[in-house]
Amino acid sequence: MASQASLVYQWPVGSDLAVCVHSSITDAEAVAEIRAGVNLWPTYCGIALHWTTDADQADVLIVPDHLPISAVSKELGLTDEPVPGQKRQLLMRINYDEDWTPAELFRVAFHEFGHALGLGHSPDGVRSGMSAYLDVTVDPGQPWEVGQGQLRYGPPLIVQAAAPSPTPTQGAGPSPTVPSATAIFTVSIPAPGDYRITVTGTATSVELTRV
């Protein structure tokens, strides 16, 4: 749940946010699920983030809390939203009175960090990780939240390289999948002829050899 909701709430485009899980959250599995949920956002929109252990320097500080339970529902999280022109730390509160499953905590972390980026709740009837009600059958990355994230921050800054399919070897199991990326180079040919182009190292340069 967000403390307030409006389209104008967002960080400056191109921000690199420092995010901290408070040291009072000591369960390693819980920390892993929280981080996994938060880390999805840079893959959907143009926001960058990095993790820090310095709570004082964090732009978003994730803390355990004991949130109120209303007659209708209980709060699973409560998160401040960014206000344009104001540089202040946002608190992302996770209800530690809840007996979380990993799948629930993962989705709640994704949802609450969406509020920390300025997103409100998705409209009723729209399947989204930003719905006001937790539904573990809905995976993060639905069109509504991706669209809202990109409306604020543009497309992702992260470019993920596609991995090739494994190639079976006779008499052995499948070969391991090796990540690959496509690099585009402009090569000046000094003279007509046939050349061999060799890409070495990290593919930041090419070697041109006359055949």
C-alpha atoms as a PDB file:
ATOM      1  CA  MET A   1       0.000   0.000   0.000  1.00  0.00           C
ATOM      2  CA  ALA A   2       1.217   3.496  -0.769  1.00  0.00           C
ATOM      3  CA  SER A   3       0.822   6.369   1.642  1.00  0.00           C
ATOM      4  CA  GLN A   4      -0.395   8.513  -1.260  1.00  0.00           C
ATOM      5  CA  ALA A   5      -0.841   8.013  -4.996  1.00  0.00           C
ATOM      6  CA  SER A   6      -0.496  10.265  -8.002  1.00  0.00           C
ATOM      7  CA  LEU A   7       1.067  10.161 -11.441  1.00  0.00           C
ATOM      8  CA  VAL A   8       3.356  13.089 -10.547  1.00  0.00           C
ATOM      9  CA  TYR A   9       5.224  11.118  -7.888  1.00  0.00           C
ATOM     10  CA  GLN A  10       8.513   9.893  -9.314  1.00  0.00           C
ATOM     11  CA  TRP A  11      12.275  10.155  -9.020  1.00  0.00           C
ATOM     12  CA  PRO A  12      14.210  12.193 -11.583  1.00  0.00           C
ATOM     13  CA  VAL A  13      14.621  10.207 -14.797  1.00  0.00           C
ATOM     14  CA  GLY A  14      17.986   8.454 -14.819  1.00  0.00           C
ATOM     15  CA  SER A  15      18.193   8.133 -11.032  1.00  0.00           C
ATOM     16  CA  ASP A  16      20.400   5.456  -9.500  1.00  0.00           C
ATOM     17  CA  LEU A  17      18.725   4.645  -6.206  1.00  0.00           C
ATOM     18  CA  ALA A  18      20.577   3.352  -3.165  1.00  0.00           C
ATOM     19  CA  VAL A  19      18.445   0.674  -1.498  1.00  0.00           C
ATOM     20  CA  CYS A  20      19.044  -0.851   1.934  1.00  0.00           C
ATOM     21  CA  VAL A  21      17.432  -3.730   3.794  1.00  0.00           C
ATOM     22  CA  HIS A  22      17.613  -2.700   7.433  1.00  0.00           C
ATOM     23  CA  SER A  23      19.909  -4.831   9.582  1.00  0.00           C
ATOM     24  CA  SER A  24      16.975  -5.777  11.817  1.00  0.00           C
ATOM     25  CA  ILE A  25      15.772  -8.068   9.004  1.00  0.00           C
ATOM     26  CA  THR A  26      18.148 -10.916   9.734  1.00  0.00           C
ATOM     27  CA  ASP A  27      16.536 -13.890   7.987  1.00  0.00           C
ATOM     28  CA  ALA A  28      18.681 -14.607   4.920  1.00  0.00           C
ATOM     29  CA  GLU A  29      15.816 -16.128   2.931  1.00  0.00           C
ATOM     30  CA  ALA A  30      13.608 -13.115   3.625  1.00  0.00           C
ATOM     31  CA  VAL A  31      16.360 -10.723   2.538  1.00  0.00           C
ATOM     32  CA  ALA A  32      16.863 -12.741  -0.657  1.00  0.00           C
ATOM     33  CA  GLU A  33      13.148 -12.622  -1.529  1.00  0.00           C
ATOM     34  CA  ILE A  34      12.953  -8.883  -0.824  1.00  0.00           C
ATOM     35  CA  ARG A  35      15.976  -8.207  -3.014  1.00  0.00           C
ATOM     36  CA  ALA A  36      14.645 -10.423  -5.797  1.00  0.00           C
ATOM     37  CA  GLY A  37      11.325  -8.573  -5.872  1.00  0.00           C
ATOM     38  CA  VAL A  38      12.963  -5.149  -5.883  1.00  0.00           C
ATOM     39  CA  ASN A  39      15.561  -6.133  -8.506  1.00  0.00           C
ATOM     40  CA  LEU A  40      12.859  -6.781 -11.097  1.00  0.00           C
ATOM     41  CA  TRP A  41      12.067  -3.097 -11.541  1.00  0.00           C
ATOM     42  CA  PRO A  42      15.190  -2.098 -13.526  1.00  0.00           C
ATOM     43  CA  THR A  43      14.344  -4.863 -16.011  1.00  0.00           C
ATOM     44  CA  TYR A  44      10.960  -3.251 -16.710  1.00  0.00           C
ATOM     45  CA  CYS A  45      11.700   0.483 -16.742  1.00  0.00           C
ATOM     46  CA  GLY A  46      14.548   2.975 -16.910  1.00  0.00           C
ATOM     47  CA  ILE A  47      15.476   3.155 -13.246  1.00  0.00           C
ATOM     48  CA  ALA A  48      18.813   2.025 -11.819  1.00  0.00           C
ATOM     49  CA  LEU A  49      19.434   0.838  -8.281  1.00  0.00           C
ATOM     50  CA  HIS A  50      22.246  -0.478  -6.152  1.00  0.00           C
ATOM     51  CA  TRP A  51      22.265  -2.105  -2.731  1.00  0.00           C
ATOM     52  CA  THR A  52      23.943  -0.592   0.289  1.00  0.00           C
ATOM     53  CA  THR A  53      24.326  -1.586   3.934  1.00  0.00           C
ATOM     54  CA  ASP A  54      24.422   2.077   4.997  1.00  0.00           C
ATOM     55  CA  ALA A  55      20.898   2.829   6.194  1.00  0.00           C
ATOM     56  CA  ASP A  56      21.625   6.533   6.537  1.00  0.00           C
ATOM     57  CA  GLN A  57      22.677   6.888   2.898  1.00  0.00           C
ATOM     58  CA  ALA A  58      19.846   4.846   1.383  1.00  0.00           C
ATOM     59  CA  ASP A  59      17.270   6.498  -0.859  1.00  0.00           C
ATOM     60  CA  VAL A  60      14.879   3.677   0.012  1.00  0.00           C
ATOM     61  CA  LEU A  61      15.185   1.979   3.403  1.00  0.00           C
ATOM     62  CA  ILE A  62      13.326  -1.327   3.791  1.00  0.00           C
ATOM     63  CA  VAL A  63      12.279  -1.936   7.384  1.00  0.00           C
ATOM     64  CA  PRO A  64      10.146  -4.423   9.328  1.00  0.00           C
ATOM     65  CA  ASP A  65       7.066  -2.923  10.907  1.00  0.00           C
ATOM     66  CA  HIS A  66       3.914  -3.783  12.787  1.00  0.00           C
ATOM     67  CA  LEU A  67       1.163  -2.384  10.616  1.00  0.00           C
ATOM     68  CA  PRO A  68      -2.460  -1.845  11.637  1.00  0.00           C
ATOM     69  CA  ILE A  69      -5.188  -4.324  10.801  1.00  0.00           C
ATOM     70  CA  SER A  70      -8.499  -2.770   9.789  1.00  0.00           C
ATOM     71  CA  ALA A  71     -11.928  -4.357   9.921  1.00  0.00           C
ATOM     72  CA  VAL A  72     -11.661  -4.982   6.171  1.00  0.00           C
ATOM     73  CA  SER A  73      -8.072  -6.092   5.620  1.00  0.00           C
ATOM     74  CA  LYS A  74      -4.565  -6.018   7.041  1.00  0.00           C
ATOM     75  CA  GLU A  75      -1.746  -3.951   5.626  1.00  0.00           C
ATOM     76  CA  LEU A  76       1.018  -6.102   4.177  1.00  0.00           C
ATOM     77  CA  GLY A  77       3.241  -3.108   3.478  1.00  0.00           C
ATOM     78  CA  LEU A  78       3.266   0.664   3.601  1.00  0.00           C
ATOM     79  CA  THR A  79       5.638   2.769   1.520  1.00  0.00           C
ATOM     80  CA  ASP A  80       6.399   6.449   1.086  1.00  0.00           C
ATOM     81  CA  GLU A  81       6.316   7.852  -2.438  1.00  0.00           C
ATOM     82  CA  PRO A  82       8.859  10.207  -4.018  1.00  0.00           C
ATOM     83  CA  VAL A  83       7.934  13.867  -4.251  1.00  0.00           C
ATOM     84  CA  PRO A  84       9.452  15.796  -7.188  1.00  0.00           C
ATOM     85  CA  GLY A  85      11.942  18.397  -6.043  1.00  0.00           C
ATOM     86  CA  GLN A  86      12.381  16.834  -2.616  1.00  0.00           C
ATOM     87  CA  LYS A  87      15.426  14.713  -1.777  1.00  0.00           C
ATOM     88  CA  ARG A  88      14.413  12.577   1.149  1.00  0.00           C
ATOM     89  CA  GLN A  89      14.734   9.002   2.277  1.00  0.00           C
ATOM     90  CA  LEU A  90      11.678   6.843   1.673  1.00  0.00           C
ATOM     91  CA  LEU A  91      10.637   4.113   4.081  1.00  0.00           C
ATOM     92  CA  MET A  92       9.375   0.840   2.655  1.00  0.00           C
ATOM     93  CA  ARG A  93       7.694  -0.983   5.535  1.00  0.00           C
ATOM     94  CA  ILE A  94       7.075  -4.729   5.461  1.00  0.00           C
ATOM     95  CA  ASN A  95       4.535  -6.119   7.941  1.00  0.00           C
ATOM     96  CA  TYR A  96       6.505  -8.492  10.137  1.00  0.00           C
ATOM     97  CA  ASP A  97       3.408  -9.693  11.965  1.00  0.00           C
ATOM     98  CA  GLU A  98       2.664 -11.690   8.807  1.00  0.00           C
ATOM     99  CA  ASP A  99       3.760 -15.310   8.414  1.00  0.00           C
ATOM    100  CA  TRP A 100       5.195 -14.882   4.936  1.00  0.00           C
ATOM    101  CA  THR A 101       5.746 -17.568   2.353  1.00  0.00           C
ATOM    102  CA  PRO A 102       8.660 -16.840  -0.018  1.00  0.00           C
ATOM    103  CA  ALA A 103       6.246 -16.269  -2.921  1.00  0.00           C
ATOM    104  CA  GLU A 104       4.228 -13.758  -0.904  1.00  0.00           C
ATOM    105  CA  LEU A 105       7.218 -11.812   0.371  1.00  0.00           C
ATOM    106  CA  PHE A 106       8.715 -11.665  -3.127  1.00  0.00           C
ATOM    107  CA  ARG A 107       5.508 -10.175  -4.552  1.00  0.00           C
ATOM    108  CA  VAL A 108       4.965  -7.770  -1.681  1.00  0.00           C
ATOM    109  CA  ALA A 109       8.534  -6.465  -2.047  1.00  0.00           C
ATOM    110  CA  PHE A 110       7.957  -5.934  -5.773  1.00  0.00           C
ATOM    111  CA  HIS A 111       4.644  -4.198  -5.064  1.00  0.00           C
ATOM    112  CA  GLU A 112       5.951  -1.917  -2.337  1.00  0.00           C
ATOM    113  CA  PHE A 113       9.005  -0.869  -4.320  1.00  0.00           C
ATOM    114  CA  GLY A 114       6.616   0.022  -7.131  1.00  0.00           C
ATOM    115  CA  HIS A 115       5.114   2.540  -4.714  1.00  0.00           C
ATOM    116  CA  ALA A 116       8.628   3.775  -3.885  1.00  0.00           C
ATOM    117  CA  LEU A 117       8.991   4.518  -7.602  1.00  0.00           C
ATOM    118  CA  GLY A 118       5.750   6.488  -7.567  1.00  0.00           C
ATOM    119  CA  LEU A 119       3.230   3.962  -8.860  1.00  0.00           C
ATOM    120  CA  GLY A 120      -0.196   3.719  -7.303  1.00  0.00           C
ATOM    121  CA  HIS A 121      -2.505   0.711  -7.306  1.00  0.00           C
ATOM    122  CA  SER A 122      -3.735  -0.760 -10.549  1.00  0.00           C
ATOM    123  CA  PRO A 123      -7.436  -0.325 -11.392  1.00  0.00           C
ATOM    124  CA  ASP A 124      -9.913  -2.882 -10.086  1.00  0.00           C
ATOM    125  CA  GLY A 125     -10.163  -5.893 -12.345  1.00  0.00           C
ATOM    126  CA  VAL A 126      -6.686  -5.467 -13.855  1.00  0.00           C
ATOM    127  CA  ARG A 127      -4.300  -8.354 -13.205  1.00  0.00           C
ATOM    128  CA  SER A 128      -1.184  -6.681 -11.897  1.00  0.00           C
ATOM    129  CA  GLY A 129       1.549  -6.931  -9.322  1.00  0.00           C
ATOM    130  CA  MET A 130       0.379  -3.458  -8.250  1.00  0.00           C
ATOM    131  CA  SER A 131      -3.135  -4.589  -7.346  1.00  0.00           C
ATOM    132  CA  ALA A 132      -4.347  -3.431  -3.939  1.00  0.00           C
ATOM    133  CA  TYR A 133      -4.777  -7.091  -2.955  1.00  0.00           C
ATOM    134  CA  LEU A 134      -2.080  -9.759  -2.937  1.00  0.00           C
ATOM    135  CA  ASP A 135      -2.610 -12.583  -5.424  1.00  0.00           C
ATOM    136  CA  VAL A 136       0.225 -15.100  -5.626  1.00  0.00           C
ATOM    137  CA  THR A 137      -1.113 -16.395  -8.956  1.00  0.00           C
ATOM    138  CA  VAL A 138      -0.172 -13.075 -10.575  1.00  0.00           C
ATOM    139  CA  ASP A 139       3.504 -12.766 -11.440  1.00  0.00           C
ATOM    140  CA  PRO A 140       5.221  -9.352 -11.442  1.00  0.00           C
ATOM    141  CA  GLY A 141       5.845  -7.721 -14.791  1.00  0.00           C
ATOM    142  CA  GLN A 142       2.242  -7.454 -15.977  1.00  0.00           C
ATOM    143  CA  PRO A 143       1.475  -4.885 -18.710  1.00  0.00           C
ATOM    144  CA  TRP A 144      -0.077  -2.356 -16.343  1.00  0.00           C
ATOM    145  CA  GLU A 145       2.918  -1.908 -14.032  1.00  0.00           C
ATOM    146  CA  VAL A 146       5.421  -2.103 -16.889  1.00  0.00           C
ATOM    147  CA  GLY A 147       3.506   0.628 -18.712  1.00  0.00           C
ATOM    148  CA  GLN A 148       3.296   2.819 -15.623  1.00  0.00           C
ATOM    149  CA  GLY A 149       6.994   2.362 -14.889  1.00  0.00           C
ATOM    150  CA  GLN A 150       7.995   3.257 -18.433  1.00  0.00           C
ATOM    151  CA  LEU A 151       5.607   6.216 -18.439  1.00  0.00           C
ATOM    152  CA  ARG A 152       7.691   7.668 -15.606  1.00  0.00           C
ATOM    153  CA  TYR A 153      11.187   6.442 -16.398  1.00  0.00           C
ATOM    154  CA  GLY A 154      11.279   5.230 -19.988  1.00  0.00           C
ATOM    155  CA  PRO A 155      12.437   1.800 -21.200  1.00  0.00           C
ATOM    156  CA  PRO A 156      14.909  -0.316 -19.231  1.00  0.00           C
ATOM    157  CA  LEU A 157      18.518   0.798 -19.015  1.00  0.00           C
ATOM    158  CA  ILE A 158      19.560  -2.856 -18.684  1.00  0.00           C
ATOM    159  CA  VAL A 159      20.094  -4.787 -21.917  1.00  0.00           C
ATOM    160  CA  GLN A 160      19.879  -8.514 -21.315  1.00  0.00           C
ATOM    161  CA  ALA A 161      21.808 -10.725 -23.731  1.00  0.00           C
ATOM    162  CA  ALA A 162      19.946 -13.698 -25.128  1.00  0.00           C
ATOM    163  CA  ALA A 163      21.463 -17.112 -24.430  1.00  0.00           C
ATOM    164  CA  PRO A 164      21.725 -19.738 -27.214  1.00  0.00           C
ATOM    165  CA  SER A 165      20.012 -23.102 -26.926  1.00  0.00           C
ATOM    166  CA  PRO A 166      22.197 -25.956 -25.606  1.00  0.00           C
ATOM    167  CA  THR A 167      23.767 -28.143 -28.299  1.00  0.00           C
ATOM    168  CA  PRO A 168      23.704 -31.885 -27.462  1.00  0.00           C
ATOM    169  CA  THR A 169      27.017 -33.747 -27.777  1.00  0.00           C
ATOM    170  CA  GLN A 170      27.017 -37.379 -28.878  1.00  0.00           C
ATOM    171  CA  GLY A 171      27.457 -39.629 -25.892  1.00  0.00           C
ATOM    172  CA  ALA A 172      27.131 -36.813 -23.399  1.00  0.00           C
ATOM    173  CA  GLY A 173      24.474 -34.665 -21.853  1.00  0.00           C
ATOM    174  CA  PRO A 174      23.517 -31.231 -23.175  1.00  0.00           C
ATOM    175  CA  SER A 175      26.331 -28.712 -23.374  1.00  0.00           C
ATOM    176  CA  PRO A 176      26.062 -25.883 -20.868  1.00  0.00           C
ATOM    177  CA  THR A 177      24.328 -22.751 -22.042  1.00  0.00           C
ATOM    178  CA  VAL A 178      26.806 -19.957 -22.640  1.00  0.00           C
ATOM    179  CA  PRO A 179      25.465 -16.379 -22.537  1.00  0.00           C
ATOM    180  CA  SER A 180      26.047 -14.428 -25.697  1.00  0.00           C
ATOM    181  CA  ALA A 181      25.630 -10.868 -26.816  1.00  0.00           C
ATOM    182  CA  THR A 182      25.634  -9.101 -30.135  1.00  0.00           C
ATOM    183  CA  ALA A 183      28.221  -6.387 -30.682  1.00  0.00           C
ATOM    184  CA  ILE A 184      28.144  -4.069 -33.685  1.00  0.00           C
ATOM    185  CA  PHE A 185      31.457  -2.758 -35.002  1.00  0.00           C
ATOM    186  CA  THR A 186      32.319  -0.388 -37.806  1.00  0.00           C
ATOM    187  CA  VAL A 187      35.408  -1.682 -39.626  1.00  0.00           C
ATOM    188  CA  SER A 188      37.442   0.278 -42.155  1.00  0.00           C
ATOM    189  CA  ILE A 189      38.808  -1.978 -44.921  1.00  0.00           C
ATOM    190  CA  PRO A 190      42.246  -0.694 -46.005  1.00  0.00           C
ATOM    191  CA  ALA A 191      42.230  -2.384 -49.413  1.00  0.00           C
ATOM    192  CA  PRO A 192      40.029  -4.714 -51.481  1.00  0.00           C
ATOM    193  CA  GLY A 193      40.365  -8.372 -50.589  1.00  0.00           C
ATOM    194  CA  ASP A 194      39.167 -11.047 -48.214  1.00  0.00           C
ATOM    195  CA  TYR A 195      39.580 -10.446 -44.503  1.00  0.00           C
ATOM    196  CA  ARG A 196      39.052 -12.429 -41.325  1.00  0.00           C
ATOM    197  CA  ILE A 197      37.492 -10.563 -38.410  1.00  0.00           C
ATOM    198  CA  THR A 198      38.446 -11.869 -34.980  1.00  0.00           C
ATOM    199  CA  VAL A 199      36.656 -10.722 -31.844  1.00  0.00           C
ATOM    200  CA  THR A 200      38.779 -11.121 -28.735  1.00  0.00           C
ATOM    201  CA  GLY A 201      38.534 -10.582 -25.000  1.00  0.00           C
ATOM    202  CA  THR A 202      35.379  -8.827 -23.940  1.00  0.00           C
ATOM    203  CA  ALA A 203      34.407  -7.969 -27.510  1.00  0.00           C
ATOM    204  CA  THR A 204      35.369  -4.353 -27.110  1.00  0.00           C
ATOM    205  CA  SER A 205      37.743  -4.517 -30.077  1.00  0.00           C
ATOM    206  CA  VAL A 206      38.269  -6.498 -33.265  1.00  0.00           C
ATOM    207  CA  GLU A 207      41.312  -7.738 -35.073  1.00  0.00           C
ATOM    208  CA  LEU A 208      41.271  -7.466 -38.875  1.00  0.00           C
ATOM    209  CA  THR A 209      43.537  -9.920 -40.682  1.00  0.00           C
ATOM    210  CA  ARG A 210      44.172 -10.171 -44.440  1.00  0.00           C
ATOM    211  CA  VAL A 211      43.493 -13.731 -45.669  1.00  0.00           C
END
